[in-house]
Amino acid sequence: MKPIITLRCCSCDSDAPGRQWYNRDTGYGLCAKCAKWIATRETPETMHRNYGEPGVHYFTEARTIKEGKPEHIAQPHPNLIKARAVIQAHTTYQLIADFEASDDAEPSQELPIIRGWLMDELEKRNKVAFDCWLESNEASPRKFFVA
């Protein structure tokens, strides 16, 4: 079996330890956070077809690896740094409103990345609420973050 490497999450653009799946662009996989979230909305067959075998190609629990990152993802893009700074400046209420608005947005390649950034920031602000939201079947994080 091939060693675990750091891939780039195809959903949120974060690090995704795993093994390359033939049905994913080279260098892309699925991070644990997105795997948990997507698994609540997809069948096991669809998960396997799109992301591979859990525990082999992607993980549902956070993992760290000792191998170095592939060169093409070692440094974040300057636009990523700017985008994350803008998101960090939002209030939690604004983050939730943006996440909810993304449900009605026109599908694009950028949309899952933006949703991933919003999810990352929500998790940083309240990990317990974030975990409860992911474990629920709720599409919106509102009731877990806003009293």
N, C-alpha and C. Protein backbone atom coordinates (compact mmCIF):
# COMPACT_ATOMS: atom_id res chain seq x y z
N MET A 1 0.85 -1.17 0.00
CA MET A 1 0.00 0.00 0.00
C MET A 1 0.90 1.24 0.00
N LYS A 2 0.48 2.26 -0.75
CA LYS A 2 1.24 3.49 -0.82
C LYS A 2 1.21 4.22 0.52
N PRO A 3 2.23 5.03 0.82
CA PRO A 3 2.24 5.77 2.09
C PRO A 3 1.21 6.90 2.08
N ILE A 4 0.82 7.32 3.26
CA ILE A 4 -0.08 8.45 3.40
C ILE A 4 0.71 9.72 3.08
N ILE A 5 0.11 10.60 2.28
CA ILE A 5 0.73 11.87 1.93
C ILE A 5 -0.25 13.00 2.23
N THR A 6 0.22 14.22 2.19
CA THR A 6 -0.66 15.37 2.37
C THR A 6 -1.21 15.77 1.01
N LEU A 7 -2.51 15.59 0.85
CA LEU A 7 -3.21 16.04 -0.34
C LEU A 7 -3.89 17.36 -0.02
N ARG A 8 -4.54 17.96 -0.99
CA ARG A 8 -5.30 19.18 -0.80
C ARG A 8 -6.77 18.78 -0.85
N CYS A 9 -7.57 19.20 0.15
CA CYS A 9 -8.98 18.83 0.18
C CYS A 9 -9.70 19.44 -1.02
N CYS A 10 -10.42 18.61 -1.74
CA CYS A 10 -11.14 19.07 -2.93
C CYS A 10 -12.37 19.90 -2.57
N SER A 11 -12.76 19.90 -1.30
CA SER A 11 -13.93 20.64 -0.87
C SER A 11 -13.58 21.97 -0.23
N CYS A 12 -12.62 21.97 0.71
CA CYS A 12 -12.35 23.21 1.46
C CYS A 12 -10.94 23.73 1.25
N ASP A 13 -10.11 23.04 0.50
CA ASP A 13 -8.75 23.47 0.17
C ASP A 13 -7.78 23.40 1.34
N SER A 14 -8.11 22.64 2.39
CA SER A 14 -7.17 22.48 3.50
C SER A 14 -6.33 21.22 3.28
N ASP A 15 -5.39 20.97 4.18
CA ASP A 15 -4.60 19.74 4.09
C ASP A 15 -5.50 18.53 4.29
N ALA A 16 -5.24 17.49 3.53
CA ALA A 16 -6.04 16.27 3.58
C ALA A 16 -5.13 15.05 3.55
N PRO A 17 -4.65 14.59 4.70
CA PRO A 17 -3.82 13.40 4.70
C PRO A 17 -4.58 12.20 4.12
N GLY A 18 -3.95 11.47 3.25
CA GLY A 18 -4.59 10.31 2.65
C GLY A 18 -3.77 9.75 1.52
N ARG A 19 -4.41 8.97 0.68
CA ARG A 19 -3.77 8.40 -0.50
C ARG A 19 -4.56 8.82 -1.72
N GLN A 20 -3.87 9.00 -2.82
CA GLN A 20 -4.51 9.46 -4.05
C GLN A 20 -5.57 8.46 -4.51
N TRP A 21 -6.76 8.93 -4.83
CA TRP A 21 -7.84 8.12 -5.39
C TRP A 21 -7.89 8.38 -6.88
N TYR A 22 -8.07 7.34 -7.67
CA TYR A 22 -8.00 7.46 -9.13
C TYR A 22 -9.05 8.42 -9.68
N ASN A 23 -10.16 8.61 -8.97
CA ASN A 23 -11.25 9.44 -9.46
C ASN A 23 -11.15 10.89 -8.99
N ARG A 24 -10.02 11.29 -8.43
CA ARG A 24 -9.75 12.66 -7.96
C ARG A 24 -8.58 13.20 -8.76
N ASP A 25 -8.59 14.52 -9.00
CA ASP A 25 -7.45 15.15 -9.65
C ASP A 25 -6.20 14.89 -8.82
N THR A 26 -5.07 14.75 -9.48
CA THR A 26 -3.82 14.48 -8.80
C THR A 26 -3.53 15.56 -7.76
N GLY A 27 -3.21 15.11 -6.55
CA GLY A 27 -2.89 16.02 -5.46
C GLY A 27 -4.08 16.38 -4.60
N TYR A 28 -5.28 15.92 -4.97
CA TYR A 28 -6.49 16.26 -4.23
C TYR A 28 -7.10 15.03 -3.57
N GLY A 29 -7.63 15.24 -2.37
CA GLY A 29 -8.31 14.20 -1.62
C GLY A 29 -9.45 14.82 -0.85
N LEU A 30 -9.71 14.30 0.35
CA LEU A 30 -10.81 14.79 1.17
C LEU A 30 -10.33 14.84 2.62
N CYS A 31 -10.48 16.00 3.27
CA CYS A 31 -10.06 16.11 4.67
C CYS A 31 -11.11 15.47 5.59
N ALA A 32 -10.73 15.20 6.83
CA ALA A 32 -11.61 14.52 7.78
C ALA A 32 -12.88 15.33 8.04
N LYS A 33 -12.74 16.65 8.17
CA LYS A 33 -13.90 17.49 8.46
C LYS A 33 -14.93 17.42 7.32
N CYS A 34 -14.46 17.56 6.10
CA CYS A 34 -15.38 17.51 4.96
C CYS A 34 -15.92 16.10 4.74
N ALA A 35 -15.08 15.09 5.01
CA ALA A 35 -15.55 13.70 4.86
C ALA A 35 -16.74 13.44 5.78
N LYS A 36 -16.65 13.91 7.02
CA LYS A 36 -17.76 13.73 7.96
C LYS A 36 -19.01 14.45 7.46
N TRP A 37 -18.82 15.67 7.00
CA TRP A 37 -19.94 16.49 6.56
C TRP A 37 -20.58 15.90 5.29
N ILE A 38 -19.77 15.57 4.31
CA ILE A 38 -20.29 15.04 3.05
C ILE A 38 -20.95 13.68 3.25
N ALA A 39 -20.41 12.86 4.16
CA ALA A 39 -20.98 11.53 4.41
C ALA A 39 -22.41 11.60 4.93
N THR A 40 -22.79 12.72 5.54
CA THR A 40 -24.17 12.86 6.03
C THR A 40 -25.12 13.18 4.89
N ARG A 41 -24.59 13.52 3.73
CA ARG A 41 -25.42 13.94 2.61
C ARG A 41 -25.31 13.02 1.39
N GLU A 42 -24.38 12.07 1.43
CA GLU A 42 -24.15 11.16 0.31
C GLU A 42 -24.29 9.72 0.76
N THR A 43 -24.59 8.85 -0.19
CA THR A 43 -24.65 7.42 0.11
C THR A 43 -23.23 6.87 0.21
N PRO A 44 -23.04 5.74 0.89
CA PRO A 44 -21.70 5.14 0.93
C PRO A 44 -21.16 4.83 -0.46
N GLU A 45 -22.03 4.46 -1.37
CA GLU A 45 -21.60 4.15 -2.74
C GLU A 45 -21.05 5.40 -3.43
N THR A 46 -21.74 6.53 -3.25
CA THR A 46 -21.28 7.77 -3.85
C THR A 46 -19.98 8.23 -3.21
N MET A 47 -19.88 8.09 -1.89
CA MET A 47 -18.63 8.44 -1.20
C MET A 47 -17.48 7.62 -1.76
N HIS A 48 -17.69 6.32 -1.92
CA HIS A 48 -16.63 5.46 -2.45
C HIS A 48 -16.26 5.84 -3.87
N ARG A 49 -17.27 6.07 -4.71
CA ARG A 49 -17.01 6.41 -6.11
C ARG A 49 -16.22 7.72 -6.22
N ASN A 50 -16.57 8.72 -5.39
CA ASN A 50 -15.95 10.04 -5.52
C ASN A 50 -14.66 10.22 -4.72
N TYR A 51 -14.54 9.53 -3.57
CA TYR A 51 -13.43 9.83 -2.67
C TYR A 51 -12.57 8.62 -2.30
N GLY A 52 -13.03 7.42 -2.59
CA GLY A 52 -12.24 6.24 -2.30
C GLY A 52 -12.70 5.52 -1.06
N GLU A 53 -11.81 4.75 -0.51
CA GLU A 53 -12.11 3.90 0.65
C GLU A 53 -11.78 4.66 1.94
N PRO A 54 -12.78 4.79 2.86
CA PRO A 54 -12.47 5.47 4.13
C PRO A 54 -11.40 4.70 4.90
N GLY A 55 -10.50 5.44 5.51
CA GLY A 55 -9.39 4.82 6.24
C GLY A 55 -8.22 4.45 5.34
N VAL A 56 -8.41 4.56 4.03
CA VAL A 56 -7.34 4.28 3.08
C VAL A 56 -7.02 5.54 2.27
N HIS A 57 -8.04 6.08 1.58
CA HIS A 57 -7.85 7.27 0.75
C HIS A 57 -8.19 8.56 1.47
N TYR A 58 -9.06 8.50 2.46
CA TYR A 58 -9.39 9.64 3.29
C TYR A 58 -9.74 9.13 4.68
N PHE A 59 -9.75 10.04 5.63
CA PHE A 59 -10.00 9.66 7.02
C PHE A 59 -11.15 10.48 7.59
N THR A 60 -11.87 9.92 8.54
CA THR A 60 -12.97 10.64 9.17
C THR A 60 -12.55 11.20 10.52
N GLU A 61 -11.34 10.93 10.94
CA GLU A 61 -10.75 11.52 12.14
C GLU A 61 -9.49 12.25 11.72
N ALA A 62 -9.21 13.36 12.37
CA ALA A 62 -8.02 14.15 12.02
C ALA A 62 -6.76 13.30 12.18
N ARG A 63 -5.85 13.45 11.24
CA ARG A 63 -4.58 12.72 11.27
C ARG A 63 -3.46 13.67 10.93
N THR A 64 -2.31 13.38 11.44
CA THR A 64 -1.12 14.11 11.03
C THR A 64 -0.16 13.10 10.43
N ILE A 65 0.70 13.58 9.57
CA ILE A 65 1.67 12.69 8.94
C ILE A 65 3.06 13.28 9.09
N LYS A 66 4.06 12.44 8.99
CA LYS A 66 5.44 12.88 9.16
C LYS A 66 6.10 13.23 7.83
N GLU A 67 5.56 12.72 6.74
CA GLU A 67 6.15 13.03 5.44
C GLU A 67 5.95 14.51 5.12
N GLY A 68 6.82 15.04 4.28
CA GLY A 68 6.71 16.44 3.87
C GLY A 68 5.54 16.66 2.93
N LYS A 69 5.13 17.90 2.81
CA LYS A 69 4.04 18.25 1.91
C LYS A 69 4.56 18.29 0.47
N PRO A 70 3.73 17.90 -0.49
CA PRO A 70 4.16 18.06 -1.88
C PRO A 70 4.46 19.54 -2.16
N GLU A 71 5.44 19.79 -2.97
CA GLU A 71 5.90 21.16 -3.21
C GLU A 71 4.79 22.08 -3.69
N HIS A 72 3.88 21.58 -4.52
CA HIS A 72 2.86 22.46 -5.10
C HIS A 72 1.82 22.94 -4.10
N ILE A 73 1.81 22.42 -2.87
CA ILE A 73 0.85 22.92 -1.88
C ILE A 73 1.55 23.38 -0.60
N ALA A 74 2.88 23.49 -0.64
CA ALA A 74 3.61 23.82 0.58
C ALA A 74 3.30 25.22 1.09
N GLN A 75 3.17 26.21 0.23
CA GLN A 75 2.90 27.58 0.63
C GLN A 75 1.50 27.99 0.19
N PRO A 76 0.70 28.59 1.10
CA PRO A 76 -0.62 29.03 0.69
C PRO A 76 -0.53 30.18 -0.31
N HIS A 77 -1.45 30.21 -1.22
CA HIS A 77 -1.52 31.27 -2.23
C HIS A 77 -1.85 32.59 -1.54
N PRO A 78 -1.27 33.71 -1.99
CA PRO A 78 -1.56 35.01 -1.36
C PRO A 78 -3.06 35.34 -1.32
N ASN A 79 -3.81 34.94 -2.34
CA ASN A 79 -5.24 35.20 -2.33
C ASN A 79 -5.95 34.41 -1.22
N LEU A 80 -5.45 33.23 -0.91
CA LEU A 80 -6.00 32.44 0.18
C LEU A 80 -5.80 33.17 1.50
N ILE A 81 -4.63 33.72 1.69
CA ILE A 81 -4.33 34.46 2.92
C ILE A 81 -5.27 35.66 3.04
N LYS A 82 -5.47 36.39 1.95
CA LYS A 82 -6.38 37.55 1.96
C LYS A 82 -7.81 37.12 2.24
N ALA A 83 -8.25 36.05 1.59
CA ALA A 83 -9.64 35.58 1.77
C ALA A 83 -9.88 35.17 3.22
N ARG A 84 -8.94 34.45 3.79
CA ARG A 84 -9.10 34.03 5.19
C ARG A 84 -9.10 35.22 6.13
N ALA A 85 -8.34 36.27 5.83
CA ALA A 85 -8.33 37.48 6.66
C ALA A 85 -9.69 38.17 6.61
N VAL A 86 -10.30 38.21 5.43
CA VAL A 86 -11.63 38.81 5.29
C VAL A 86 -12.64 38.00 6.10
N ILE A 87 -12.58 36.69 6.00
CA ILE A 87 -13.51 35.83 6.73
C ILE A 87 -13.31 35.97 8.24
N GLN A 88 -12.08 36.08 8.69
CA GLN A 88 -11.81 36.23 10.13
C GLN A 88 -12.39 37.53 10.67
N ALA A 89 -12.53 38.54 9.82
CA ALA A 89 -13.07 39.83 10.26
C ALA A 89 -14.59 39.80 10.42
N HIS A 90 -15.26 38.79 9.85
CA HIS A 90 -16.71 38.68 9.96
C HIS A 90 -17.12 38.27 11.37
N THR A 91 -18.29 38.71 11.76
CA THR A 91 -18.87 38.22 13.01
C THR A 91 -19.35 36.79 12.78
N THR A 92 -19.59 36.07 13.85
CA THR A 92 -20.10 34.71 13.72
C THR A 92 -21.45 34.74 13.01
N TYR A 93 -22.28 35.72 13.32
CA TYR A 93 -23.58 35.84 12.66
C TYR A 93 -23.40 36.01 11.15
N GLN A 94 -22.42 36.85 10.73
CA GLN A 94 -22.17 37.04 9.30
C GLN A 94 -21.67 35.75 8.64
N LEU A 95 -20.82 35.01 9.35
CA LEU A 95 -20.33 33.74 8.80
C LEU A 95 -21.49 32.78 8.54
N ILE A 96 -22.41 32.70 9.50
CA ILE A 96 -23.56 31.81 9.35
C ILE A 96 -24.44 32.27 8.20
N ALA A 97 -24.68 33.58 8.12
CA ALA A 97 -25.50 34.13 7.03
C ALA A 97 -24.85 33.83 5.67
N ASP A 98 -23.52 33.98 5.60
CA ASP A 98 -22.81 33.67 4.35
C ASP A 98 -22.92 32.19 4.01
N PHE A 99 -22.78 31.33 5.01
CA PHE A 99 -22.88 29.90 4.78
C PHE A 99 -24.28 29.54 4.28
N GLU A 100 -25.30 30.09 4.91
CA GLU A 100 -26.68 29.82 4.49
C GLU A 100 -26.95 30.35 3.09
N ALA A 101 -26.41 31.52 2.77
CA ALA A 101 -26.59 32.10 1.43
C ALA A 101 -25.91 31.24 0.37
N SER A 102 -24.86 30.55 0.75
CA SER A 102 -24.15 29.72 -0.23
C SER A 102 -25.01 28.54 -0.70
N ASP A 103 -26.03 28.16 0.08
CA ASP A 103 -26.94 27.10 -0.35
C ASP A 103 -27.70 27.48 -1.62
N ASP A 104 -27.96 28.78 -1.77
CA ASP A 104 -28.72 29.27 -2.93
C ASP A 104 -27.82 29.81 -4.03
N ALA A 105 -26.51 29.78 -3.81
CA ALA A 105 -25.58 30.31 -4.80
C ALA A 105 -25.50 29.40 -6.02
N GLU A 106 -25.16 29.99 -7.13
CA GLU A 106 -24.95 29.24 -8.36
C GLU A 106 -23.76 28.30 -8.17
N PRO A 107 -23.91 27.02 -8.49
CA PRO A 107 -22.78 26.09 -8.32
C PRO A 107 -21.56 26.56 -9.11
N SER A 108 -20.39 26.44 -8.50
CA SER A 108 -19.14 26.82 -9.14
C SER A 108 -18.01 26.02 -8.51
N GLN A 109 -16.84 26.09 -9.11
CA GLN A 109 -15.68 25.41 -8.54
C GLN A 109 -15.24 26.07 -7.25
N GLU A 110 -15.49 27.37 -7.10
CA GLU A 110 -15.06 28.11 -5.93
C GLU A 110 -15.97 27.89 -4.73
N LEU A 111 -17.23 27.57 -4.94
CA LEU A 111 -18.20 27.49 -3.86
C LEU A 111 -17.80 26.52 -2.74
N PRO A 112 -17.39 25.28 -3.04
CA PRO A 112 -17.00 24.39 -1.94
C PRO A 112 -15.78 24.90 -1.17
N ILE A 113 -14.90 25.60 -1.85
CA ILE A 113 -13.72 26.15 -1.17
C ILE A 113 -14.15 27.23 -0.20
N ILE A 114 -15.01 28.12 -0.65
CA ILE A 114 -15.49 29.20 0.21
C ILE A 114 -16.26 28.63 1.40
N ARG A 115 -17.10 27.64 1.14
CA ARG A 115 -17.84 27.01 2.25
C ARG A 115 -16.86 26.37 3.25
N GLY A 116 -15.80 25.79 2.75
CA GLY A 116 -14.79 25.21 3.62
C GLY A 116 -14.11 26.26 4.49
N TRP A 117 -13.81 27.41 3.90
CA TRP A 117 -13.20 28.50 4.68
C TRP A 117 -14.16 28.96 5.78
N LEU A 118 -15.44 29.09 5.43
CA LEU A 118 -16.43 29.50 6.44
C LEU A 118 -16.50 28.46 7.56
N MET A 119 -16.50 27.18 7.17
CA MET A 119 -16.54 26.11 8.17
C MET A 119 -15.29 26.14 9.05
N ASP A 120 -14.13 26.38 8.47
CA ASP A 120 -12.90 26.45 9.25
C ASP A 120 -12.99 27.54 10.31
N GLU A 121 -13.51 28.70 9.92
CA GLU A 121 -13.59 29.82 10.86
C GLU A 121 -14.62 29.54 11.95
N LEU A 122 -15.75 28.93 11.58
CA LEU A 122 -16.74 28.57 12.60
C LEU A 122 -16.15 27.58 13.60
N GLU A 123 -15.39 26.62 13.11
CA GLU A 123 -14.78 25.64 14.00
C GLU A 123 -13.79 26.30 14.95
N LYS A 124 -13.00 27.26 14.44
CA LYS A 124 -12.04 27.97 15.30
C LYS A 124 -12.77 28.72 16.42
N ARG A 125 -13.93 29.24 16.13
CA ARG A 125 -14.64 30.07 17.11
C ARG A 125 -15.36 29.26 18.18
N ASN A 126 -15.85 28.07 17.80
CA ASN A 126 -16.57 27.26 18.79
C ASN A 126 -16.55 25.80 18.34
N LYS A 127 -15.52 25.09 18.73
CA LYS A 127 -15.34 23.70 18.30
C LYS A 127 -16.49 22.80 18.75
N VAL A 128 -16.99 23.01 19.97
CA VAL A 128 -18.08 22.17 20.47
C VAL A 128 -19.33 22.36 19.62
N ALA A 129 -19.70 23.61 19.35
CA ALA A 129 -20.88 23.89 18.51
C ALA A 129 -20.67 23.32 17.11
N PHE A 130 -19.46 23.48 16.59
CA PHE A 130 -19.15 22.98 15.25
C PHE A 130 -19.32 21.46 15.18
N ASP A 131 -18.74 20.76 16.16
CA ASP A 131 -18.84 19.30 16.18
C ASP A 131 -20.29 18.84 16.31
N CYS A 132 -21.07 19.52 17.16
CA CYS A 132 -22.49 19.18 17.31
C CYS A 132 -23.23 19.38 16.00
N TRP A 133 -22.90 20.45 15.29
CA TRP A 133 -23.54 20.72 14.00
C TRP A 133 -23.20 19.61 13.00
N LEU A 134 -21.91 19.23 12.92
CA LEU A 134 -21.53 18.19 11.96
C LEU A 134 -22.18 16.85 12.28
N GLU A 135 -22.38 16.57 13.56
CA GLU A 135 -23.00 15.30 13.94
C GLU A 135 -24.51 15.31 13.74
N SER A 136 -25.06 16.48 13.53
CA SER A 136 -26.51 16.58 13.29
C SER A 136 -26.79 16.41 11.80
N ASN A 137 -28.05 16.43 11.44
CA ASN A 137 -28.44 16.40 10.03
C ASN A 137 -28.85 17.78 9.54
N GLU A 138 -28.52 18.80 10.32
CA GLU A 138 -28.91 20.17 9.98
C GLU A 138 -28.01 20.72 8.86
N ALA A 139 -28.62 21.40 7.90
CA ALA A 139 -27.85 22.03 6.83
C ALA A 139 -27.20 23.32 7.32
N SER A 140 -27.85 24.01 8.24
CA SER A 140 -27.36 25.29 8.74
C SER A 140 -26.77 25.14 10.14
N PRO A 141 -25.67 25.86 10.40
CA PRO A 141 -25.09 25.82 11.75
C PRO A 141 -25.76 26.78 12.73
N ARG A 142 -26.75 27.55 12.27
CA ARG A 142 -27.33 28.64 13.05
C ARG A 142 -27.72 28.24 14.47
N LYS A 143 -28.51 27.20 14.63
CA LYS A 143 -29.01 26.88 15.96
C LYS A 143 -27.92 26.39 16.92
N PHE A 144 -26.76 26.05 16.39
CA PHE A 144 -25.67 25.58 17.24
C PHE A 144 -24.75 26.73 17.67
N PHE A 145 -24.76 27.83 16.92
CA PHE A 145 -23.86 28.95 17.20
C PHE A 145 -24.57 30.18 17.75
N VAL A 146 -25.82 30.37 17.38
CA VAL A 146 -26.54 31.59 17.79
C VAL A 146 -27.61 31.21 18.79
N ALA A 147 -27.54 31.79 19.97
CA ALA A 147 -28.50 31.46 21.03
C ALA A 147 -29.84 32.14 20.80
